[in-house]
């Protein structure tokens, strides 16, 4: 079996040199793959950030005092909230498709 020569080297791409750690590898297509612990760390940071900001909003002074106009125009609020979720789901699916199509092959 003949080993494929990587299409490029990490030293030619400074961004990947900065991101690289000892666990990084170059796969069959010459793409740098990060260590799985890096993915876990990034995911954990996003999760903790979301948790902290949710509690900050929930315990804010405005929420503790209450807002009398909160239950007015709920249709607009639901439409805006739903649009955020739709955009996030579509972006996540596109990222997953790109990952499967370009990085795993």
C-alpha atoms as a PDB file:
ATOM      1  CA  UNK A   1       0.000   0.000   0.000  1.00  0.00           C
ATOM      2  CA  UNK A   2       1.419   3.350  -1.038  1.00  0.00           C
ATOM      3  CA  UNK A   3       0.917   6.201   1.411  1.00  0.00           C
ATOM      4  CA  UNK A   4      -0.571   9.359   0.007  1.00  0.00           C
ATOM      5  CA  UNK A   5       1.513  12.474   0.290  1.00  0.00           C
ATOM      6  CA  UNK A   6      -0.447  15.219   2.072  1.00  0.00           C
ATOM      7  CA  UNK A   7      -1.733  17.949  -0.254  1.00  0.00           C
ATOM      8  CA  UNK A   8      -0.163  20.552   1.982  1.00  0.00           C
ATOM      9  CA  UNK A   9       1.937  20.741   5.094  1.00  0.00           C
ATOM     10  CA  UNK A  10       0.948  22.411   8.357  1.00  0.00           C
ATOM     11  CA  UNK A  11       4.003  24.677   8.242  1.00  0.00           C
ATOM     12  CA  UNK A  12       2.624  26.265   5.058  1.00  0.00           C
ATOM     13  CA  UNK A  13      -0.588  27.332   6.824  1.00  0.00           C
ATOM     14  CA  UNK A  14       0.058  29.444   9.951  1.00  0.00           C
ATOM     15  CA  UNK A  15      -3.580  29.264  11.117  1.00  0.00           C
ATOM     16  CA  UNK A  16      -3.377  25.507  11.476  1.00  0.00           C
ATOM     17  CA  UNK A  17       0.013  25.710  13.171  1.00  0.00           C
ATOM     18  CA  UNK A  18      -1.530  27.942  15.848  1.00  0.00           C
ATOM     19  CA  UNK A  19      -4.454  25.546  16.285  1.00  0.00           C
ATOM     20  CA  UNK A  20      -2.343  22.419  16.240  1.00  0.00           C
ATOM     21  CA  UNK A  21      -1.538  20.362  19.294  1.00  0.00           C
ATOM     22  CA  UNK A  22       0.417  17.172  19.724  1.00  0.00           C
ATOM     23  CA  UNK A  23      -2.714  15.090  19.042  1.00  0.00           C
ATOM     24  CA  UNK A  24      -3.402  16.566  15.596  1.00  0.00           C
ATOM     25  CA  UNK A  25      -2.989  14.360  12.580  1.00  0.00           C
ATOM     26  CA  UNK A  26      -3.160  14.678   8.814  1.00  0.00           C
ATOM     27  CA  UNK A  27      -5.792  12.363   7.334  1.00  0.00           C
ATOM     28  CA  UNK A  28      -5.735  10.615   3.951  1.00  0.00           C
ATOM     29  CA  UNK A  29      -6.824  13.752   2.089  1.00  0.00           C
ATOM     30  CA  UNK A  30      -4.182  15.938   3.697  1.00  0.00           C
ATOM     31  CA  UNK A  31      -6.636  17.686   6.026  1.00  0.00           C
ATOM     32  CA  UNK A  32      -5.541  18.435   9.589  1.00  0.00           C
ATOM     33  CA  UNK A  33      -7.798  16.743  12.117  1.00  0.00           C
ATOM     34  CA  UNK A  34      -7.916  18.059  15.671  1.00  0.00           C
ATOM     35  CA  UNK A  35      -7.733  15.928  18.755  1.00  0.00           C
ATOM     36  CA  UNK A  36     -11.240  15.049  20.045  1.00  0.00           C
ATOM     37  CA  UNK A  37     -10.501  16.752  23.368  1.00  0.00           C
ATOM     38  CA  UNK A  38     -10.324  20.069  21.511  1.00  0.00           C
ATOM     39  CA  UNK A  39     -13.870  19.531  20.239  1.00  0.00           C
ATOM     40  CA  UNK A  40     -15.028  18.641  23.748  1.00  0.00           C
ATOM     41  CA  UNK A  41     -13.419  21.806  25.133  1.00  0.00           C
ATOM     42  CA  UNK A  42     -15.020  24.042  22.493  1.00  0.00           C
ATOM     43  CA  UNK A  43     -18.435  22.430  23.031  1.00  0.00           C
ATOM     44  CA  UNK A  44     -18.105  22.754  26.807  1.00  0.00           C
ATOM     45  CA  UNK A  45     -17.207  26.444  26.564  1.00  0.00           C
ATOM     46  CA  UNK A  46     -20.250  27.141  24.390  1.00  0.00           C
ATOM     47  CA  UNK A  47     -22.451  25.176  26.800  1.00  0.00           C
ATOM     48  CA  UNK A  48     -21.145  27.008  29.890  1.00  0.00           C
ATOM     49  CA  UNK A  49     -21.485  30.388  28.133  1.00  0.00           C
ATOM     50  CA  UNK A  50     -25.121  29.629  27.293  1.00  0.00           C
ATOM     51  CA  UNK A  51     -25.850  28.483  30.837  1.00  0.00           C
ATOM     52  CA  UNK A  52     -24.276  31.554  32.464  1.00  0.00           C
ATOM     53  CA  UNK A  53     -26.002  34.024  30.142  1.00  0.00           C
ATOM     54  CA  UNK A  54     -29.354  32.291  30.657  1.00  0.00           C
ATOM     55  CA  UNK A  55     -29.057  32.682  34.421  1.00  0.00           C
ATOM     56  CA  UNK A  56     -27.894  36.284  34.064  1.00  0.00           C
ATOM     57  CA  UNK A  57     -30.983  37.113  32.027  1.00  0.00           C
ATOM     58  CA  UNK A  58     -33.278  35.156  34.352  1.00  0.00           C
ATOM     59  CA  UNK A  59     -32.009  36.886  37.487  1.00  0.00           C
ATOM     60  CA  UNK A  60     -31.779  40.389  36.009  1.00  0.00           C
ATOM     61  CA  UNK A  61     -33.463  43.260  37.824  1.00  0.00           C
ATOM     62  CA  UNK A  62     -35.966  43.786  35.010  1.00  0.00           C
ATOM     63  CA  UNK A  63     -37.094  40.157  35.236  1.00  0.00           C
ATOM     64  CA  UNK A  64     -37.320  40.256  39.030  1.00  0.00           C
ATOM     65  CA  UNK A  65     -39.455  43.402  38.992  1.00  0.00           C
ATOM     66  CA  UNK A  66     -41.642  42.112  36.189  1.00  0.00           C
ATOM     67  CA  UNK A  67     -42.808  43.720  32.989  1.00  0.00           C
ATOM     68  CA  UNK A  68     -46.494  44.526  32.640  1.00  0.00           C
ATOM     69  CA  UNK A  69     -46.300  44.680  28.830  1.00  0.00           C
ATOM     70  CA  UNK A  70     -44.642  41.264  28.537  1.00  0.00           C
ATOM     71  CA  UNK A  71     -47.818  39.386  27.622  1.00  0.00           C
ATOM     72  CA  UNK A  72     -48.804  41.847  24.894  1.00  0.00           C
ATOM     73  CA  UNK A  73     -48.033  41.101  21.230  1.00  0.00           C
ATOM     74  CA  UNK A  74     -47.074  37.507  21.962  1.00  0.00           C
ATOM     75  CA  UNK A  75     -47.545  36.466  18.322  1.00  0.00           C
ATOM     76  CA  UNK A  76     -44.663  38.679  17.202  1.00  0.00           C
ATOM     77  CA  UNK A  77     -42.452  37.365  19.981  1.00  0.00           C
ATOM     78  CA  UNK A  78     -43.216  33.730  19.124  1.00  0.00           C
ATOM     79  CA  UNK A  79     -42.543  34.359  15.430  1.00  0.00           C
ATOM     80  CA  UNK A  80     -39.176  35.990  16.189  1.00  0.00           C
ATOM     81  CA  UNK A  81     -38.166  33.240  18.619  1.00  0.00           C
ATOM     82  CA  UNK A  82     -39.175  30.542  16.140  1.00  0.00           C
ATOM     83  CA  UNK A  83     -37.162  32.248  13.397  1.00  0.00           C
ATOM     84  CA  UNK A  84     -34.052  32.147  15.624  1.00  0.00           C
ATOM     85  CA  UNK A  85     -34.472  28.401  16.075  1.00  0.00           C
ATOM     86  CA  UNK A  86     -35.110  27.819  12.370  1.00  0.00           C
ATOM     87  CA  UNK A  87     -31.966  29.752  11.408  1.00  0.00           C
ATOM     88  CA  UNK A  88     -29.896  27.917  14.038  1.00  0.00           C
ATOM     89  CA  UNK A  89     -31.158  24.491  12.924  1.00  0.00           C
ATOM     90  CA  UNK A  90     -30.508  25.246   9.248  1.00  0.00           C
ATOM     91  CA  UNK A  91     -27.004  26.545  10.043  1.00  0.00           C
ATOM     92  CA  UNK A  92     -26.302  23.432  12.120  1.00  0.00           C
ATOM     93  CA  UNK A  93     -27.494  21.124   9.353  1.00  0.00           C
ATOM     94  CA  UNK A  94     -25.397  22.958   6.756  1.00  0.00           C
ATOM     95  CA  UNK A  95     -22.340  22.698   9.016  1.00  0.00           C
ATOM     96  CA  UNK A  96     -22.978  18.976   9.498  1.00  0.00           C
ATOM     97  CA  UNK A  97     -23.357  18.402   5.760  1.00  0.00           C
ATOM     98  CA  UNK A  98     -20.152  20.355   5.072  1.00  0.00           C
ATOM     99  CA  UNK A  99     -18.320  18.349   7.731  1.00  0.00           C
ATOM    100  CA  UNK A 100     -19.509  15.025   6.366  1.00  0.00           C
ATOM    101  CA  UNK A 101     -18.923  15.985   2.744  1.00  0.00           C
ATOM    102  CA  UNK A 102     -15.553  17.698   2.909  1.00  0.00           C
ATOM    103  CA  UNK A 103     -13.699  16.626   6.045  1.00  0.00           C
ATOM    104  CA  UNK A 104     -14.529  12.953   6.400  1.00  0.00           C
ATOM    105  CA  UNK A 105     -14.051  11.885   2.772  1.00  0.00           C
END
